[in-house]
Amino acid sequence: MTVTPSTRNITKIFRQTTTDDRVAGLGWYATAREVAAALDPADPARAAAVLAVLSPRTSWPQNVKLAQDAYAGRKVGTLGANVRKAQALLAGADPEDIVTGAKVRAFWRTIVDPSDPRAVVIDRHAFDVACDQVTDDATRGRYLGRKGAYDELADLYRRAARIISRETGQTWTPAAVQAATWVYWRRERAAANHG
């Protein structure tokens, strides 16, 4: 499968989003920040890191439950390496040393500061939006396995955010653009292709 990610694809998909998609996108990471603050009022950044390391291969509701279990000292039912990272964070390890992988680090940083223009979460739906096609794990893996590919995709979202901010007269962070298009894409495209 050949893919050609572009800023044009992201802005095209964004223009198809509904008002509700945009509201959800603008608030998604702020809501995630509230979840982190509720988990750990003394150190929301640590809770954001716990959420991030437990996030691979989980839905958001499951991710929150896993983090709640970790904070409560209950068994955390996910990948063992991720559980060990969460335990290390809860034991006081520095997130800079524990939170690894471009997507997981971006997720952590975006929860910590939803307005951070550098942090862009490129998950499978964000990748597919940038390509304007539903892809598969092998295609995404080949593309993202190239050195610098994650940053290239994040830059596409940064450019899209600048264009969308000019078009709408409202400030859109790359994370909010990613979240709004993610909401739309999951509903309209991913579900249609996998349902």
N, C-alpha and C. Protein backbone atom coordinates (compact mmCIF):
# COMPACT_ATOMS: atom_id res chain seq x y z
N MET A 1 0.85 -1.18 0.00
CA MET A 1 0.00 0.00 0.00
C MET A 1 0.89 1.24 0.00
N THR A 2 0.66 2.14 -0.94
CA THR A 2 1.41 3.37 -1.03
C THR A 2 0.66 4.47 -0.30
N VAL A 3 1.39 5.23 0.51
CA VAL A 3 0.77 6.33 1.25
C VAL A 3 1.55 7.61 1.01
N THR A 4 0.81 8.71 1.00
CA THR A 4 1.43 10.03 0.83
C THR A 4 0.80 10.99 1.84
N PRO A 5 1.34 11.04 3.06
CA PRO A 5 0.80 11.97 4.05
C PRO A 5 1.02 13.41 3.60
N SER A 6 0.06 14.27 3.93
CA SER A 6 0.21 15.68 3.57
C SER A 6 -0.61 16.58 4.48
N THR A 7 -0.17 17.82 4.57
CA THR A 7 -0.93 18.84 5.29
C THR A 7 -2.28 19.03 4.62
N ARG A 8 -2.31 18.97 3.29
CA ARG A 8 -3.56 19.14 2.55
C ARG A 8 -4.61 18.11 2.98
N ASN A 9 -4.18 16.86 3.18
CA ASN A 9 -5.12 15.83 3.63
C ASN A 9 -5.69 16.18 5.00
N ILE A 10 -4.83 16.62 5.90
CA ILE A 10 -5.28 16.96 7.26
C ILE A 10 -6.28 18.11 7.22
N THR A 11 -5.97 19.16 6.48
CA THR A 11 -6.89 20.31 6.43
C THR A 11 -8.19 19.92 5.73
N LYS A 12 -8.11 19.07 4.72
CA LYS A 12 -9.32 18.60 4.03
C LYS A 12 -10.23 17.84 5.00
N ILE A 13 -9.64 16.94 5.76
CA ILE A 13 -10.42 16.16 6.73
C ILE A 13 -10.97 17.10 7.81
N PHE A 14 -10.16 18.03 8.26
CA PHE A 14 -10.62 18.97 9.29
C PHE A 14 -11.86 19.72 8.81
N ARG A 15 -11.86 20.14 7.57
CA ARG A 15 -13.00 20.89 7.02
C ARG A 15 -14.29 20.05 6.99
N GLN A 16 -14.15 18.74 7.07
CA GLN A 16 -15.32 17.86 7.09
C GLN A 16 -15.85 17.62 8.51
N THR A 17 -15.10 18.05 9.52
CA THR A 17 -15.53 17.82 10.90
C THR A 17 -16.76 18.66 11.22
N THR A 18 -17.54 18.15 12.16
CA THR A 18 -18.71 18.87 12.62
C THR A 18 -18.32 19.82 13.76
N THR A 19 -19.23 20.68 14.13
CA THR A 19 -19.00 21.54 15.28
C THR A 19 -18.72 20.70 16.53
N ASP A 20 -19.47 19.62 16.70
CA ASP A 20 -19.24 18.75 17.85
C ASP A 20 -17.85 18.12 17.82
N ASP A 21 -17.38 17.72 16.64
CA ASP A 21 -16.03 17.16 16.51
C ASP A 21 -15.00 18.21 16.94
N ARG A 22 -15.22 19.44 16.52
CA ARG A 22 -14.26 20.50 16.83
C ARG A 22 -14.26 20.83 18.32
N VAL A 23 -15.45 20.87 18.91
CA VAL A 23 -15.54 21.10 20.36
C VAL A 23 -14.83 19.97 21.10
N ALA A 24 -15.06 18.74 20.66
CA ALA A 24 -14.40 17.60 21.30
C ALA A 24 -12.89 17.69 21.13
N GLY A 25 -12.44 18.08 19.95
CA GLY A 25 -11.01 18.21 19.70
C GLY A 25 -10.36 19.28 20.55
N LEU A 26 -11.05 20.42 20.66
CA LEU A 26 -10.50 21.51 21.47
C LEU A 26 -10.39 21.12 22.95
N GLY A 27 -11.29 20.26 23.40
CA GLY A 27 -11.30 19.93 24.82
C GLY A 27 -10.68 18.60 25.21
N TRP A 28 -10.31 17.77 24.23
CA TRP A 28 -9.90 16.41 24.54
C TRP A 28 -8.70 16.36 25.49
N TYR A 29 -7.64 17.03 25.16
CA TYR A 29 -6.44 16.95 26.00
C TYR A 29 -6.60 17.72 27.31
N ALA A 30 -7.41 18.76 27.31
CA ALA A 30 -7.69 19.46 28.57
C ALA A 30 -8.45 18.54 29.52
N THR A 31 -9.37 17.76 28.97
CA THR A 31 -10.09 16.78 29.79
C THR A 31 -9.13 15.71 30.29
N ALA A 32 -8.23 15.26 29.44
CA ALA A 32 -7.23 14.28 29.87
C ALA A 32 -6.37 14.85 30.99
N ARG A 33 -6.06 16.14 30.90
CA ARG A 33 -5.28 16.81 31.96
C ARG A 33 -6.07 16.79 33.27
N GLU A 34 -7.38 17.01 33.19
CA GLU A 34 -8.23 16.95 34.39
C GLU A 34 -8.22 15.55 35.00
N VAL A 35 -8.22 14.53 34.16
CA VAL A 35 -8.14 13.15 34.64
C VAL A 35 -6.82 12.94 35.38
N ALA A 36 -5.73 13.44 34.81
CA ALA A 36 -4.42 13.31 35.46
C ALA A 36 -4.41 14.04 36.80
N ALA A 37 -5.00 15.23 36.84
CA ALA A 37 -5.03 15.99 38.10
C ALA A 37 -5.88 15.29 39.15
N ALA A 38 -6.94 14.62 38.72
CA ALA A 38 -7.77 13.88 39.67
C ALA A 38 -7.04 12.64 40.19
N LEU A 39 -6.26 12.01 39.34
CA LEU A 39 -5.49 10.84 39.76
C LEU A 39 -4.41 11.20 40.76
N ASP A 40 -3.76 12.34 40.54
CA ASP A 40 -2.61 12.71 41.36
C ASP A 40 -2.58 14.23 41.52
N PRO A 41 -3.40 14.76 42.44
CA PRO A 41 -3.47 16.22 42.59
C PRO A 41 -2.12 16.85 42.93
N ALA A 42 -1.26 16.11 43.61
CA ALA A 42 0.05 16.66 43.98
C ALA A 42 1.02 16.68 42.81
N ASP A 43 0.80 15.82 41.83
CA ASP A 43 1.74 15.73 40.71
C ASP A 43 1.03 15.24 39.44
N PRO A 44 0.20 16.13 38.84
CA PRO A 44 -0.52 15.74 37.62
C PRO A 44 0.41 15.32 36.48
N ALA A 45 1.62 15.86 36.42
CA ALA A 45 2.55 15.48 35.36
C ALA A 45 2.95 14.01 35.51
N ARG A 46 3.10 13.55 36.76
CA ARG A 46 3.41 12.13 36.98
C ARG A 46 2.22 11.28 36.52
N ALA A 47 1.00 11.70 36.86
CA ALA A 47 -0.18 10.95 36.44
C ALA A 47 -0.29 10.93 34.92
N ALA A 48 0.05 12.04 34.27
CA ALA A 48 0.05 12.07 32.80
C ALA A 48 1.04 11.06 32.25
N ALA A 49 2.18 10.94 32.90
CA ALA A 49 3.19 9.96 32.48
C ALA A 49 2.68 8.54 32.67
N VAL A 50 2.00 8.29 33.80
CA VAL A 50 1.43 6.97 34.05
C VAL A 50 0.38 6.65 32.98
N LEU A 51 -0.49 7.60 32.71
CA LEU A 51 -1.48 7.40 31.65
C LEU A 51 -0.79 7.09 30.32
N ALA A 52 0.25 7.84 30.01
CA ALA A 52 0.94 7.66 28.72
C ALA A 52 1.58 6.29 28.60
N VAL A 53 2.30 5.86 29.64
CA VAL A 53 2.99 4.56 29.52
C VAL A 53 2.02 3.39 29.50
N LEU A 54 0.83 3.59 30.03
CA LEU A 54 -0.18 2.52 30.01
C LEU A 54 -1.09 2.59 28.79
N SER A 55 -0.89 3.57 27.93
CA SER A 55 -1.80 3.80 26.81
C SER A 55 -1.66 2.88 25.61
N PRO A 56 -0.49 2.35 25.30
CA PRO A 56 -0.41 1.54 24.07
C PRO A 56 -1.42 0.39 24.05
N ARG A 57 -2.09 0.30 22.92
CA ARG A 57 -3.06 -0.78 22.65
C ARG A 57 -4.26 -0.78 23.57
N THR A 58 -4.62 0.40 24.08
CA THR A 58 -5.81 0.49 24.93
C THR A 58 -6.67 1.65 24.49
N SER A 59 -7.96 1.54 24.73
CA SER A 59 -8.88 2.65 24.50
C SER A 59 -8.69 3.65 25.65
N TRP A 60 -9.18 4.86 25.48
CA TRP A 60 -9.05 5.86 26.54
C TRP A 60 -9.75 5.41 27.83
N PRO A 61 -10.99 4.93 27.79
CA PRO A 61 -11.61 4.48 29.04
C PRO A 61 -10.79 3.38 29.74
N GLN A 62 -10.26 2.45 28.96
CA GLN A 62 -9.43 1.38 29.54
C GLN A 62 -8.14 1.96 30.08
N ASN A 63 -7.57 2.91 29.37
CA ASN A 63 -6.34 3.58 29.81
C ASN A 63 -6.54 4.22 31.18
N VAL A 64 -7.65 4.93 31.34
CA VAL A 64 -7.94 5.58 32.63
C VAL A 64 -8.09 4.53 33.73
N LYS A 65 -8.80 3.45 33.43
CA LYS A 65 -8.98 2.39 34.43
C LYS A 65 -7.64 1.78 34.83
N LEU A 66 -6.77 1.54 33.86
CA LEU A 66 -5.45 0.98 34.17
C LEU A 66 -4.67 1.92 35.09
N ALA A 67 -4.73 3.21 34.80
CA ALA A 67 -4.02 4.19 35.64
C ALA A 67 -4.63 4.24 37.04
N GLN A 68 -5.94 4.18 37.13
CA GLN A 68 -6.60 4.14 38.45
C GLN A 68 -6.16 2.90 39.23
N ASP A 69 -6.09 1.76 38.54
CA ASP A 69 -5.63 0.54 39.19
C ASP A 69 -4.19 0.68 39.68
N ALA A 70 -3.34 1.27 38.86
CA ALA A 70 -1.94 1.47 39.25
C ALA A 70 -1.85 2.35 40.49
N TYR A 71 -2.60 3.44 40.50
CA TYR A 71 -2.57 4.34 41.66
C TYR A 71 -3.14 3.69 42.91
N ALA A 72 -4.11 2.78 42.73
CA ALA A 72 -4.73 2.11 43.88
C ALA A 72 -3.94 0.89 44.34
N GLY A 73 -2.88 0.56 43.61
CA GLY A 73 -2.09 -0.61 43.98
C GLY A 73 -2.72 -1.92 43.57
N ARG A 74 -3.70 -1.85 42.67
CA ARG A 74 -4.35 -3.07 42.19
C ARG A 74 -3.57 -3.64 41.00
N LYS A 75 -3.89 -4.87 40.65
CA LYS A 75 -3.28 -5.51 39.48
C LYS A 75 -3.65 -4.70 38.24
N VAL A 76 -2.65 -4.43 37.43
CA VAL A 76 -2.84 -3.66 36.20
C VAL A 76 -2.74 -4.63 35.03
N GLY A 77 -3.85 -4.84 34.34
CA GLY A 77 -3.91 -5.85 33.30
C GLY A 77 -3.55 -5.35 31.92
N THR A 78 -2.27 -5.14 31.68
CA THR A 78 -1.80 -4.76 30.35
C THR A 78 -0.38 -5.27 30.17
N LEU A 79 0.29 -4.84 29.12
CA LEU A 79 1.64 -5.29 28.82
C LEU A 79 2.57 -5.10 30.02
N GLY A 80 3.29 -6.15 30.37
CA GLY A 80 4.14 -6.12 31.56
C GLY A 80 5.17 -5.01 31.58
N ALA A 81 5.80 -4.73 30.44
CA ALA A 81 6.80 -3.67 30.39
C ALA A 81 6.17 -2.32 30.72
N ASN A 82 4.94 -2.10 30.27
CA ASN A 82 4.26 -0.85 30.55
C ASN A 82 3.87 -0.75 32.02
N VAL A 83 3.48 -1.87 32.61
CA VAL A 83 3.15 -1.89 34.04
C VAL A 83 4.39 -1.55 34.86
N ARG A 84 5.52 -2.11 34.47
CA ARG A 84 6.78 -1.82 35.20
C ARG A 84 7.14 -0.34 35.09
N LYS A 85 6.90 0.26 33.95
CA LYS A 85 7.16 1.70 33.79
C LYS A 85 6.25 2.50 34.71
N ALA A 86 4.96 2.14 34.75
CA ALA A 86 4.03 2.84 35.63
C ALA A 86 4.46 2.70 37.09
N GLN A 87 4.87 1.51 37.48
CA GLN A 87 5.32 1.28 38.86
C GLN A 87 6.55 2.12 39.18
N ALA A 88 7.47 2.21 38.22
CA ALA A 88 8.67 3.03 38.42
C ALA A 88 8.29 4.50 38.60
N LEU A 89 7.36 4.98 37.80
CA LEU A 89 6.92 6.37 37.93
C LEU A 89 6.29 6.61 39.30
N LEU A 90 5.45 5.68 39.73
CA LEU A 90 4.79 5.83 41.03
C LEU A 90 5.79 5.74 42.18
N ALA A 91 6.93 5.08 41.93
CA ALA A 91 7.98 4.97 42.95
C ALA A 91 8.90 6.19 42.94
N GLY A 92 8.64 7.13 42.02
CA GLY A 92 9.42 8.37 42.03
C GLY A 92 10.39 8.55 40.88
N ALA A 93 10.42 7.65 39.92
CA ALA A 93 11.32 7.80 38.78
C ALA A 93 10.94 9.03 37.97
N ASP A 94 11.93 9.63 37.35
CA ASP A 94 11.74 10.81 36.52
C ASP A 94 11.08 10.39 35.20
N PRO A 95 9.93 11.00 34.86
CA PRO A 95 9.29 10.65 33.59
C PRO A 95 10.21 10.79 32.38
N GLU A 96 11.12 11.74 32.41
CA GLU A 96 12.05 11.91 31.28
C GLU A 96 12.86 10.65 31.03
N ASP A 97 13.09 9.87 32.09
CA ASP A 97 13.85 8.64 31.96
C ASP A 97 12.98 7.43 31.62
N ILE A 98 11.69 7.52 31.88
CA ILE A 98 10.80 6.36 31.78
C ILE A 98 9.91 6.40 30.55
N VAL A 99 9.41 7.58 30.22
CA VAL A 99 8.44 7.69 29.11
C VAL A 99 9.23 7.72 27.80
N THR A 100 9.13 6.62 27.05
CA THR A 100 9.90 6.49 25.81
C THR A 100 8.96 6.25 24.63
N GLY A 101 9.52 6.41 23.46
CA GLY A 101 8.74 6.25 22.23
C GLY A 101 8.10 7.57 21.85
N ALA A 102 8.21 7.94 20.60
CA ALA A 102 7.73 9.26 20.15
C ALA A 102 6.26 9.48 20.46
N LYS A 103 5.41 8.49 20.17
CA LYS A 103 3.98 8.67 20.40
C LYS A 103 3.65 8.77 21.88
N VAL A 104 4.25 7.90 22.68
CA VAL A 104 3.96 7.89 24.12
C VAL A 104 4.47 9.17 24.77
N ARG A 105 5.66 9.63 24.37
CA ARG A 105 6.18 10.90 24.91
C ARG A 105 5.29 12.07 24.51
N ALA A 106 4.83 12.07 23.27
CA ALA A 106 3.94 13.16 22.81
C ALA A 106 2.63 13.13 23.59
N PHE A 107 2.10 11.94 23.84
CA PHE A 107 0.85 11.81 24.60
C PHE A 107 1.05 12.37 26.00
N TRP A 108 2.14 12.01 26.65
CA TRP A 108 2.46 12.52 27.98
C TRP A 108 2.54 14.05 27.96
N ARG A 109 3.31 14.57 27.05
CA ARG A 109 3.53 16.03 27.01
C ARG A 109 2.25 16.78 26.67
N THR A 110 1.41 16.21 25.84
CA THR A 110 0.18 16.89 25.47
C THR A 110 -0.81 16.88 26.63
N ILE A 111 -0.82 15.81 27.43
CA ILE A 111 -1.68 15.81 28.62
C ILE A 111 -1.15 16.82 29.64
N VAL A 112 0.15 16.88 29.81
CA VAL A 112 0.74 17.84 30.75
C VAL A 112 0.41 19.27 30.34
N ASP A 113 0.53 19.56 29.05
CA ASP A 113 0.26 20.91 28.56
C ASP A 113 -0.45 20.84 27.22
N PRO A 114 -1.79 20.84 27.24
CA PRO A 114 -2.56 20.73 25.99
C PRO A 114 -2.27 21.84 24.98
N SER A 115 -1.66 22.93 25.43
CA SER A 115 -1.36 24.01 24.50
C SER A 115 0.05 23.89 23.90
N ASP A 116 0.80 22.87 24.27
CA ASP A 116 2.16 22.68 23.77
C ASP A 116 2.13 22.49 22.25
N PRO A 117 2.71 23.43 21.48
CA PRO A 117 2.66 23.31 20.03
C PRO A 117 3.60 22.24 19.48
N ARG A 118 4.50 21.74 20.32
CA ARG A 118 5.46 20.74 19.85
C ARG A 118 4.93 19.32 19.95
N ALA A 119 4.08 19.06 20.92
CA ALA A 119 3.62 17.70 21.17
C ALA A 119 2.45 17.35 20.26
N VAL A 120 2.65 16.39 19.38
CA VAL A 120 1.59 15.94 18.47
C VAL A 120 1.55 14.41 18.54
N VAL A 121 0.40 13.88 18.88
CA VAL A 121 0.24 12.43 19.01
C VAL A 121 -0.12 11.85 17.64
N ILE A 122 0.79 11.05 17.12
CA ILE A 122 0.55 10.38 15.84
C ILE A 122 0.24 8.91 16.13
N ASP A 123 -1.06 8.63 16.26
CA ASP A 123 -1.50 7.25 16.41
C ASP A 123 -1.98 6.76 15.05
N ARG A 124 -2.59 5.59 15.00
CA ARG A 124 -3.00 5.04 13.71
C ARG A 124 -4.02 5.92 13.01
N HIS A 125 -4.94 6.53 13.77
CA HIS A 125 -5.94 7.38 13.12
C HIS A 125 -5.32 8.68 12.63
N ALA A 126 -4.42 9.26 13.40
CA ALA A 126 -3.75 10.49 12.96
C ALA A 126 -2.93 10.22 11.70
N PHE A 127 -2.27 9.07 11.66
CA PHE A 127 -1.52 8.68 10.46
C PHE A 127 -2.47 8.57 9.27
N ASP A 128 -3.58 7.87 9.47
CA ASP A 128 -4.54 7.66 8.38
C ASP A 128 -5.16 8.97 7.90
N VAL A 129 -5.45 9.89 8.82
CA VAL A 129 -5.96 11.21 8.44
C VAL A 129 -4.94 11.90 7.53
N ALA A 130 -3.67 11.87 7.92
CA ALA A 130 -2.63 12.53 7.12
C ALA A 130 -2.49 11.90 5.74
N CYS A 131 -2.87 10.63 5.62
CA CYS A 131 -2.81 9.93 4.33
C CYS A 131 -4.14 9.97 3.58
N ASP A 132 -5.21 10.36 4.28
CA ASP A 132 -6.57 10.34 3.75
C ASP A 132 -6.95 8.95 3.22
N GLN A 133 -6.54 7.94 3.98
CA GLN A 133 -6.95 6.58 3.68
C GLN A 133 -6.73 5.70 4.91
N VAL A 134 -7.59 4.71 5.05
CA VAL A 134 -7.41 3.75 6.13
C VAL A 134 -6.28 2.82 5.72
N THR A 135 -5.26 2.74 6.55
CA THR A 135 -4.10 1.90 6.26
C THR A 135 -4.09 0.71 7.21
N ASP A 136 -3.04 -0.07 7.14
CA ASP A 136 -2.91 -1.21 8.04
C ASP A 136 -1.64 -1.06 8.87
N ASP A 137 -1.50 -1.93 9.86
CA ASP A 137 -0.36 -1.84 10.77
C ASP A 137 0.97 -1.97 10.02
N ALA A 138 1.03 -2.84 9.03
CA ALA A 138 2.28 -3.03 8.29
C ALA A 138 2.68 -1.75 7.54
N THR A 139 1.71 -1.11 6.91
CA THR A 139 1.99 0.13 6.17
C THR A 139 2.45 1.22 7.12
N ARG A 140 1.71 1.38 8.22
CA ARG A 140 2.10 2.40 9.21
C ARG A 140 3.48 2.10 9.76
N GLY A 141 3.74 0.84 10.07
CA GLY A 141 5.03 0.45 10.64
C GLY A 141 6.18 0.73 9.69
N ARG A 142 5.99 0.41 8.41
CA ARG A 142 7.05 0.69 7.42
C ARG A 142 7.32 2.18 7.33
N TYR A 143 6.26 2.95 7.26
CA TYR A 143 6.43 4.40 7.11
C TYR A 143 7.06 5.02 8.35
N LEU A 144 6.49 4.70 9.51
CA LEU A 144 6.97 5.31 10.75
C LEU A 144 8.31 4.74 11.21
N GLY A 145 8.72 3.62 10.63
CA GLY A 145 10.02 3.04 10.96
C GLY A 145 11.19 3.80 10.36
N ARG A 146 10.90 4.68 9.43
CA ARG A 146 11.96 5.49 8.83
C ARG A 146 12.43 6.56 9.82
N LYS A 147 13.71 6.80 9.86
CA LYS A 147 14.26 7.83 10.74
C LYS A 147 13.64 9.19 10.39
N GLY A 148 13.11 9.86 11.40
CA GLY A 148 12.55 11.19 11.22
C GLY A 148 11.10 11.22 10.76
N ALA A 149 10.52 10.05 10.47
CA ALA A 149 9.16 10.02 9.92
C ALA A 149 8.13 10.56 10.91
N TYR A 150 8.27 10.22 12.19
CA TYR A 150 7.30 10.70 13.18
C TYR A 150 7.31 12.23 13.21
N ASP A 151 8.50 12.81 13.25
CA ASP A 151 8.60 14.27 13.28
C ASP A 151 8.04 14.91 12.01
N GLU A 152 8.24 14.25 10.87
CA GLU A 152 7.68 14.77 9.62
C GLU A 152 6.16 14.83 9.71
N LEU A 153 5.54 13.77 10.23
CA LEU A 153 4.09 13.75 10.36
C LEU A 153 3.62 14.80 11.37
N ALA A 154 4.34 14.93 12.48
CA ALA A 154 3.98 15.95 13.47
C ALA A 154 4.05 17.34 12.83
N ASP A 155 5.05 17.56 11.98
CA ASP A 155 5.17 18.85 11.31
C ASP A 155 3.98 19.11 10.38
N LEU A 156 3.44 18.06 9.76
CA LEU A 156 2.26 18.24 8.92
C LEU A 156 1.10 18.77 9.76
N TYR A 157 0.93 18.23 10.95
CA TYR A 157 -0.13 18.70 11.85
C TYR A 157 0.15 20.12 12.33
N ARG A 158 1.41 20.46 12.56
CA ARG A 158 1.74 21.83 12.97
C ARG A 158 1.38 22.82 11.87
N ARG A 159 1.73 22.47 10.63
CA ARG A 159 1.37 23.34 9.50
C ARG A 159 -0.14 23.43 9.35
N ALA A 160 -0.81 22.30 9.47
CA ALA A 160 -2.28 22.30 9.36
C ALA A 160 -2.90 23.20 10.43
N ALA A 161 -2.36 23.17 11.63
CA ALA A 161 -2.90 24.00 12.72
C ALA A 161 -2.76 25.48 12.38
N ARG A 162 -1.65 25.87 11.77
CA ARG A 162 -1.48 27.28 11.38
C ARG A 162 -2.49 27.67 10.31
N ILE A 163 -2.68 26.80 9.32
CA ILE A 163 -3.64 27.08 8.25
C ILE A 163 -5.06 27.16 8.81
N ILE A 164 -5.42 26.20 9.63
CA ILE A 164 -6.78 26.16 10.20
C ILE A 164 -7.02 27.35 11.12
N SER A 165 -6.02 27.75 11.86
CA SER A 165 -6.16 28.93 12.73
C SER A 165 -6.44 30.17 11.89
N ARG A 166 -5.74 30.31 10.77
CA ARG A 166 -5.99 31.46 9.88
C ARG A 166 -7.40 31.39 9.29
N GLU A 167 -7.79 30.20 8.84
CA GLU A 167 -9.10 30.04 8.19
C GLU A 167 -10.26 30.27 9.15
N THR A 168 -10.12 29.80 10.38
CA THR A 168 -11.24 29.87 11.33
C THR A 168 -11.21 31.13 12.18
N GLY A 169 -10.06 31.81 12.23
CA GLY A 169 -9.93 32.97 13.12
C GLY A 169 -9.86 32.57 14.58
N GLN A 170 -9.58 31.32 14.82
CA GLN A 170 -9.48 30.77 16.18
C GLN A 170 -8.16 30.03 16.28
N THR A 171 -7.50 30.12 17.43
CA THR A 171 -6.23 29.43 17.59
C THR A 171 -6.45 27.93 17.76
N TRP A 172 -5.84 27.18 16.87
CA TRP A 172 -5.87 25.72 16.92
C TRP A 172 -4.46 25.21 17.13
N THR A 173 -4.26 24.45 18.19
CA THR A 173 -2.97 23.80 18.39
C THR A 173 -2.92 22.56 17.51
N PRO A 174 -1.72 22.07 17.23
CA PRO A 174 -1.63 20.81 16.49
C PRO A 174 -2.37 19.68 17.20
N ALA A 175 -2.30 19.65 18.52
CA ALA A 175 -2.98 18.60 19.29
C ALA A 175 -4.50 18.69 19.12
N ALA A 176 -5.04 19.89 19.10
CA ALA A 176 -6.49 20.05 18.94
C ALA A 176 -6.93 19.66 17.52
N VAL A 177 -6.12 19.99 16.53
CA VAL A 177 -6.42 19.57 15.15
C VAL A 177 -6.39 18.05 15.08
N GLN A 178 -5.37 17.45 15.68
CA GLN A 178 -5.26 15.99 15.68
C GLN A 178 -6.48 15.38 16.38
N ALA A 179 -6.87 15.93 17.51
CA ALA A 179 -7.99 15.37 18.26
C ALA A 179 -9.31 15.52 17.50
N ALA A 180 -9.55 16.68 16.90
CA ALA A 180 -10.81 16.90 16.17
C ALA A 180 -10.90 15.97 14.96
N THR A 181 -9.80 15.86 14.22
CA THR A 181 -9.83 14.98 13.04
C THR A 181 -9.91 13.52 13.47
N TRP A 182 -9.31 13.18 14.61
CA TRP A 182 -9.36 11.82 15.17
C TRP A 182 -10.80 11.43 15.48
N VAL A 183 -11.54 12.36 16.13
CA VAL A 183 -12.94 12.09 16.46
C VAL A 183 -13.74 11.82 15.19
N TYR A 184 -13.58 12.69 14.22
CA TYR A 184 -14.28 12.53 12.94
C TYR A 184 -13.88 11.23 12.25
N TRP A 185 -12.58 10.99 12.15
CA TRP A 185 -12.07 9.84 11.40
C TRP A 185 -12.54 8.52 11.99
N ARG A 186 -12.48 8.41 13.30
CA ARG A 186 -12.92 7.16 13.95
C ARG A 186 -14.39 6.89 13.64
N ARG A 187 -15.18 7.93 13.66
CA ARG A 187 -16.62 7.75 13.43
C ARG A 187 -16.92 7.49 11.95
N GLU A 188 -16.35 8.28 11.07
CA GLU A 188 -16.76 8.26 9.67
C GLU A 188 -15.97 7.29 8.79
N ARG A 189 -14.70 7.14 9.04
CA ARG A 189 -13.88 6.36 8.13
C ARG A 189 -13.43 5.04 8.72
N ALA A 190 -12.84 5.08 9.92
CA ALA A 190 -12.31 3.84 10.51
C ALA A 190 -13.42 2.86 10.79
N ALA A 191 -14.53 3.32 11.33
CA ALA A 191 -15.65 2.42 11.65
C ALA A 191 -16.22 1.80 10.37
N ALA A 192 -16.32 2.61 9.31
CA ALA A 192 -16.87 2.12 8.06
C ALA A 192 -15.97 1.05 7.44
N ASN A 193 -14.65 1.16 7.65
CA ASN A 193 -13.72 0.22 7.06
C ASN A 193 -13.46 -1.01 7.93
N HIS A 194 -13.78 -0.91 9.22
CA HIS A 194 -13.50 -2.03 10.12
C HIS A 194 -14.76 -2.57 10.77
N GLY A 195 -15.91 -1.97 10.47
CA GLY A 195 -17.13 -2.38 11.13
C GLY A 195 -17.87 -3.37 10.32
